Amino acid sequence: MSEEAAQAEREYRIEELAEAAGVPVRTLRYYQERRLLPPPRRRGRVAVYSQGHLERLRLISELLERGYRLDGIEELLAAWEQGRDVGELLGFEWAVTAPWSQQAETEMTMDELAGLFGDQLTPEVLDEAAELGYIEIRGDRIVHRVPRLMEATAALVAEGIPLAEILALSWELEAAFDRIAYTFVRLARRHLVDRMGDPPTPAELARLAESVERLRPVTRTVADEHFARAMDRRIRKEFTHLTPRLTAPDRSPAERRAAGRER
């Protein structure tokens, strides 16, 4: 008998299965209660598990590591039991949900961060940045999850814009871009997702994944161009208000005070 065949026929008691899968026995029992794991065969009063149970447990662990909740795992396993290819489904999921920003996290000490922001780096500011999800405080080190935003923030502070006001603006930007993202996703769902079969075929999933990949740069271009147009409009409007002040003749302090009283 080959090694693969012997492995396929291997049987486990519950403690052996838990050890092989790297999960506690109580977790294994919980999965059984939720029907994530098929019932074992019975040999007298002893529950006997197979290699299939071990593979199922490893798949559950992998899905949990990828951020799935147990409810979602139940749906995937149900699809698997109906003959769907879970690898195919996971490949589609990764293509659709892969991060849009591929920045690597960076770490700095608190002293290094203070060197950028000086006395503006208060505990309240750190807490707010952490709440926004921009940083994570790990002991005496700060992990920057979005390094480019940190660099942009440092540049704005260097120009004289208070750090606290930048963070206040960040909340507004998060909300505004969340609305924009919702609009794009709703559009894609209506015209791409809702036209697929129920359940979608592998070919439909593959086409959707390819469409999403093609639309990623297009979507960013649309957002960038609309933001650029909005900035152009706003700057022109503000500059129009500023022009009279720039072109007004110099006046003496007394004249400026008199003009102020007239207003």
Protein backbone atom coordinates (compact mmCIF):
# COMPACT_ATOMS: atom_id res chain seq x y z
CA MET A 1 0.00 0.00 0.00
CA SER A 2 1.35 3.43 -0.92
CA GLU A 3 1.99 6.09 1.71
CA GLU A 4 -0.83 8.23 0.28
CA ALA A 5 -3.29 5.35 0.44
CA ALA A 6 -2.27 4.56 4.01
CA GLN A 7 -2.74 8.20 4.97
CA ALA A 8 -6.19 8.26 3.35
CA GLU A 9 -7.26 5.23 5.39
CA ARG A 10 -5.87 6.50 8.68
CA GLU A 11 -8.32 6.77 11.54
CA TYR A 12 -8.24 9.12 14.52
CA ARG A 13 -9.80 9.29 17.90
CA ILE A 14 -11.00 12.74 18.89
CA GLU A 15 -7.86 13.63 20.86
CA GLU A 16 -5.63 12.46 17.99
CA LEU A 17 -7.64 14.43 15.44
CA ALA A 18 -7.51 17.58 17.55
CA GLU A 19 -3.74 17.25 17.91
CA ALA A 20 -3.21 16.62 14.19
CA ALA A 21 -5.36 19.63 13.29
CA GLY A 22 -3.82 21.88 15.94
CA VAL A 23 -7.12 22.74 17.62
CA PRO A 24 -8.41 22.07 21.14
CA VAL A 25 -10.82 19.17 21.62
CA ARG A 26 -13.50 21.59 22.83
CA THR A 27 -13.19 23.54 19.57
CA LEU A 28 -13.59 20.34 17.58
CA ARG A 29 -16.74 19.49 19.54
CA TYR A 30 -18.08 22.99 18.92
CA TYR A 31 -17.56 22.58 15.17
CA GLN A 32 -19.52 19.35 15.36
CA GLU A 33 -22.37 21.10 17.18
CA ARG A 34 -22.49 23.68 14.39
CA ARG A 35 -22.35 20.89 11.79
CA LEU A 36 -19.15 22.26 10.33
CA LEU A 37 -17.70 18.80 10.83
CA PRO A 38 -19.51 15.62 9.73
CA PRO A 39 -20.33 13.14 12.49
CA PRO A 40 -17.72 10.42 13.07
CA ARG A 41 -18.21 6.73 12.52
CA ARG A 42 -18.88 4.69 15.62
CA ARG A 43 -16.90 1.65 16.60
CA GLY A 44 -18.75 0.51 19.65
CA ARG A 45 -18.67 3.47 22.01
CA VAL A 46 -15.61 5.01 20.35
CA ALA A 47 -15.93 7.85 17.82
CA VAL A 48 -13.63 7.31 14.85
CA TYR A 49 -12.59 10.14 12.53
CA SER A 50 -11.03 9.94 9.08
CA GLN A 51 -8.54 11.87 6.99
CA GLY A 52 -11.51 13.71 5.52
CA HIS A 53 -12.30 15.14 8.94
CA LEU A 54 -8.72 16.34 9.28
CA GLU A 55 -8.81 18.01 5.87
CA ARG A 56 -12.08 19.70 6.80
CA LEU A 57 -10.56 21.03 10.04
CA ARG A 58 -7.52 22.36 8.20
CA LEU A 59 -9.77 24.11 5.70
CA ILE A 60 -11.78 25.71 8.52
CA SER A 61 -8.56 26.94 10.16
CA GLU A 62 -7.35 28.39 6.86
CA LEU A 63 -10.63 30.22 6.31
CA LEU A 64 -10.58 31.63 9.84
CA GLU A 65 -7.04 32.92 9.26
CA ARG A 66 -8.25 34.65 6.11
CA GLY A 67 -10.86 36.53 8.11
CA TYR A 68 -13.95 34.43 7.48
CA ARG A 69 -16.57 34.15 10.19
CA LEU A 70 -18.11 30.79 11.01
CA ASP A 71 -21.37 31.72 9.28
CA GLY A 72 -19.50 32.34 6.04
CA ILE A 73 -17.52 29.14 6.46
CA GLU A 74 -20.78 27.21 6.82
CA GLU A 75 -21.92 28.57 3.46
CA LEU A 76 -18.64 27.66 1.77
CA LEU A 77 -18.68 24.16 3.20
CA ALA A 78 -22.27 23.72 2.08
CA ALA A 79 -21.19 24.69 -1.44
CA TRP A 80 -18.32 22.21 -1.19
CA GLU A 81 -20.69 19.42 -0.19
CA GLN A 82 -22.84 20.26 -3.22
CA GLY A 83 -19.87 19.67 -5.48
CA ARG A 84 -18.56 23.22 -5.84
CA ASP A 85 -14.81 23.75 -5.87
CA VAL A 86 -13.91 25.65 -2.70
CA GLY A 87 -10.53 26.55 -4.13
CA GLU A 88 -12.32 28.15 -7.06
CA LEU A 89 -14.62 30.08 -4.72
CA LEU A 90 -11.69 31.23 -2.59
CA GLY A 91 -9.77 32.29 -5.67
CA PHE A 92 -12.72 34.43 -6.72
CA GLU A 93 -13.04 35.86 -3.21
CA TRP A 94 -9.37 36.83 -3.15
CA ALA A 95 -9.55 38.45 -6.59
CA VAL A 96 -12.51 40.56 -5.51
CA THR A 97 -11.47 41.45 -1.96
CA ALA A 98 -7.70 41.85 -2.36
CA PRO A 99 -6.58 45.12 -0.73
CA TRP A 100 -6.71 48.19 -2.94
CA SER A 101 -3.69 49.65 -1.18
CA GLN A 102 -0.57 47.48 -1.14
CA GLN A 103 1.46 49.53 1.33
CA ALA A 104 3.72 47.70 3.74
CA GLU A 105 3.40 48.70 7.37
CA THR A 106 6.27 50.67 8.88
CA GLU A 107 7.37 51.06 12.48
CA MET A 108 8.72 54.07 14.34
CA THR A 109 9.63 54.74 17.92
CA MET A 110 7.67 57.33 19.85
CA ASP A 111 10.74 59.58 19.81
CA GLU A 112 10.99 59.34 16.02
CA LEU A 113 7.33 60.24 15.67
CA ALA A 114 7.73 63.15 18.07
CA GLY A 115 10.57 64.37 15.88
CA LEU A 116 8.05 64.79 13.06
CA PHE A 117 5.18 66.34 15.00
CA GLY A 118 6.76 67.88 18.09
CA ASP A 119 4.48 68.89 20.94
CA GLN A 120 1.42 68.38 18.72
CA LEU A 121 1.82 64.64 19.29
CA THR A 122 -0.40 64.41 22.36
CA PRO A 123 -1.93 61.23 23.84
CA GLU A 124 -5.30 62.40 22.52
CA VAL A 125 -3.90 62.72 18.99
CA LEU A 126 -2.39 59.24 19.18
CA ASP A 127 -5.69 57.77 20.38
CA GLU A 128 -7.56 59.46 17.54
CA ALA A 129 -5.09 58.24 14.92
CA ALA A 130 -5.44 54.72 16.32
CA GLU A 131 -9.23 54.98 16.25
CA LEU A 132 -9.06 56.03 12.61
CA GLY A 133 -7.03 52.89 11.94
CA TYR A 134 -3.94 54.77 10.78
CA ILE A 135 -1.63 53.53 13.52
CA GLU A 136 -1.32 50.77 16.07
CA ILE A 137 0.50 51.32 19.34
CA ARG A 138 2.66 48.36 20.32
CA GLY A 139 4.45 49.19 23.52
CA ASP A 140 6.98 51.93 22.79
CA ARG A 141 6.66 51.51 19.02
CA ILE A 142 4.13 52.90 16.58
CA VAL A 143 3.06 50.82 13.57
CA HIS A 144 1.93 52.91 10.61
CA ARG A 145 -0.66 50.99 8.63
CA VAL A 146 -0.84 53.63 5.89
CA PRO A 147 2.69 55.05 5.57
CA ARG A 148 1.84 57.37 2.67
CA LEU A 149 -0.82 59.07 4.77
CA MET A 150 1.69 59.55 7.57
CA GLU A 151 4.15 61.14 5.13
CA ALA A 152 1.42 63.41 3.76
CA THR A 153 0.38 64.38 7.28
CA ALA A 154 3.96 65.28 8.18
CA ALA A 155 4.19 67.45 5.04
CA LEU A 156 0.96 69.28 5.93
CA VAL A 157 2.15 69.89 9.49
CA ALA A 158 5.45 71.22 8.15
CA GLU A 159 3.44 73.79 6.16
CA GLY A 160 1.78 75.01 9.33
CA ILE A 161 -1.49 73.06 9.43
CA PRO A 162 -2.22 71.77 12.96
CA LEU A 163 -2.11 68.01 13.38
CA ALA A 164 -5.38 67.95 15.33
CA GLU A 165 -7.18 69.68 12.45
CA ILE A 166 -5.75 67.22 9.95
CA LEU A 167 -7.14 64.33 11.98
CA ALA A 168 -10.51 66.07 12.25
CA LEU A 169 -10.52 66.39 8.46
CA SER A 170 -9.62 62.71 8.19
CA TRP A 171 -12.95 61.73 9.73
CA GLU A 172 -14.75 63.77 7.08
CA LEU A 173 -12.67 62.23 4.31
CA GLU A 174 -13.29 58.70 5.59
CA ALA A 175 -17.04 59.32 5.52
CA ALA A 176 -16.96 61.00 2.10
CA PHE A 177 -14.90 58.26 0.46
CA ASP A 178 -17.02 55.58 2.10
CA ARG A 179 -20.04 57.07 0.32
CA ILE A 180 -18.10 57.13 -2.96
CA ALA A 181 -17.01 53.51 -2.51
CA TYR A 182 -20.60 52.50 -1.77
CA THR A 183 -21.71 54.14 -5.02
CA PHE A 184 -19.11 52.26 -7.06
CA VAL A 185 -19.87 48.91 -5.40
CA ARG A 186 -23.62 49.37 -5.87
CA LEU A 187 -23.04 50.13 -9.55
CA ALA A 188 -20.90 47.02 -10.01
CA ARG A 189 -23.36 44.85 -8.15
CA ARG A 190 -26.30 46.02 -10.22
CA HIS A 191 -24.61 45.60 -13.59
CA LEU A 192 -22.16 42.75 -12.98
CA VAL A 193 -23.12 40.63 -9.98
CA ASP A 194 -26.91 40.62 -10.22
CA ARG A 195 -26.80 39.41 -13.81
CA MET A 196 -25.11 36.14 -12.86
CA GLY A 197 -26.95 32.91 -12.26
CA ASP A 198 -27.98 31.65 -8.84
CA PRO A 199 -25.67 30.02 -8.03
CA PRO A 200 -23.15 31.54 -10.45
CA THR A 201 -21.21 29.19 -12.69
CA PRO A 202 -17.41 28.90 -12.48
CA ALA A 203 -17.16 30.74 -15.80
CA GLU A 204 -19.28 33.60 -14.45
CA LEU A 205 -17.15 33.85 -11.32
CA ALA A 206 -14.00 33.92 -13.42
CA ARG A 207 -15.38 36.67 -15.67
CA LEU A 208 -16.46 38.73 -12.66
CA ALA A 209 -13.02 38.40 -11.06
CA GLU A 210 -11.40 39.55 -14.32
CA SER A 211 -13.82 42.49 -14.57
CA VAL A 212 -13.05 43.60 -11.03
CA GLU A 213 -9.32 43.42 -11.71
CA ARG A 214 -9.71 45.56 -14.84
CA LEU A 215 -11.95 48.06 -13.07
CA ARG A 216 -9.61 48.69 -10.13
CA PRO A 217 -7.35 51.22 -11.93
CA VAL A 218 -10.33 52.67 -13.83
CA THR A 219 -12.19 53.35 -10.60
CA ARG A 220 -9.20 55.08 -9.05
CA THR A 221 -8.78 57.21 -12.16
CA VAL A 222 -12.43 58.30 -12.01
CA ALA A 223 -12.10 59.21 -8.32
CA ASP A 224 -8.79 61.04 -8.87
CA GLU A 225 -10.11 63.06 -11.81
CA HIS A 226 -13.30 64.10 -10.03
CA PHE A 227 -11.28 65.18 -7.00
CA ALA A 228 -8.92 67.17 -9.24
CA ARG A 229 -11.86 68.91 -10.92
CA ALA A 230 -13.42 69.73 -7.55
CA MET A 231 -10.12 71.18 -6.32
CA ASP A 232 -9.80 73.30 -9.47
CA ARG A 233 -13.29 74.73 -8.96
CA ARG A 234 -12.78 75.42 -5.27
CA ILE A 235 -9.35 77.04 -5.70
CA ARG A 236 -10.60 79.29 -8.51
CA LYS A 237 -13.50 80.38 -6.33
CA GLU A 238 -11.29 81.11 -3.34
CA PHE A 239 -8.72 82.92 -5.48
CA THR A 240 -11.47 85.15 -6.89
CA HIS A 241 -12.26 86.28 -3.34
CA LEU A 242 -8.58 86.84 -2.64
CA THR A 243 -7.84 88.91 -5.77
CA PRO A 244 -9.25 92.25 -4.50
CA ARG A 245 -7.04 92.01 -1.42
CA LEU A 246 -3.99 91.35 -3.57
CA THR A 247 -4.65 94.24 -5.98
CA ALA A 248 -5.83 96.87 -3.46
CA PRO A 249 -3.42 99.84 -3.07
CA ASP A 250 -1.44 100.11 0.12
CA ARG A 251 -3.20 102.11 2.79
CA SER A 252 -1.99 103.67 5.95
CA PRO A 253 -2.86 102.08 9.30
CA ALA A 254 -5.36 104.89 9.95
CA GLU A 255 -7.08 104.27 6.62
CA ARG A 256 -7.28 100.53 7.31
CA ARG A 257 -8.80 101.22 10.74
CA ALA A 258 -11.34 103.58 9.20
CA ALA A 259 -12.24 101.01 6.56
CA GLY A 260 -12.72 98.46 9.29
CA ARG A 261 -15.11 100.78 11.18
CA GLU A 262 -17.12 101.37 8.00
CA ARG A 263 -17.62 97.61 7.54
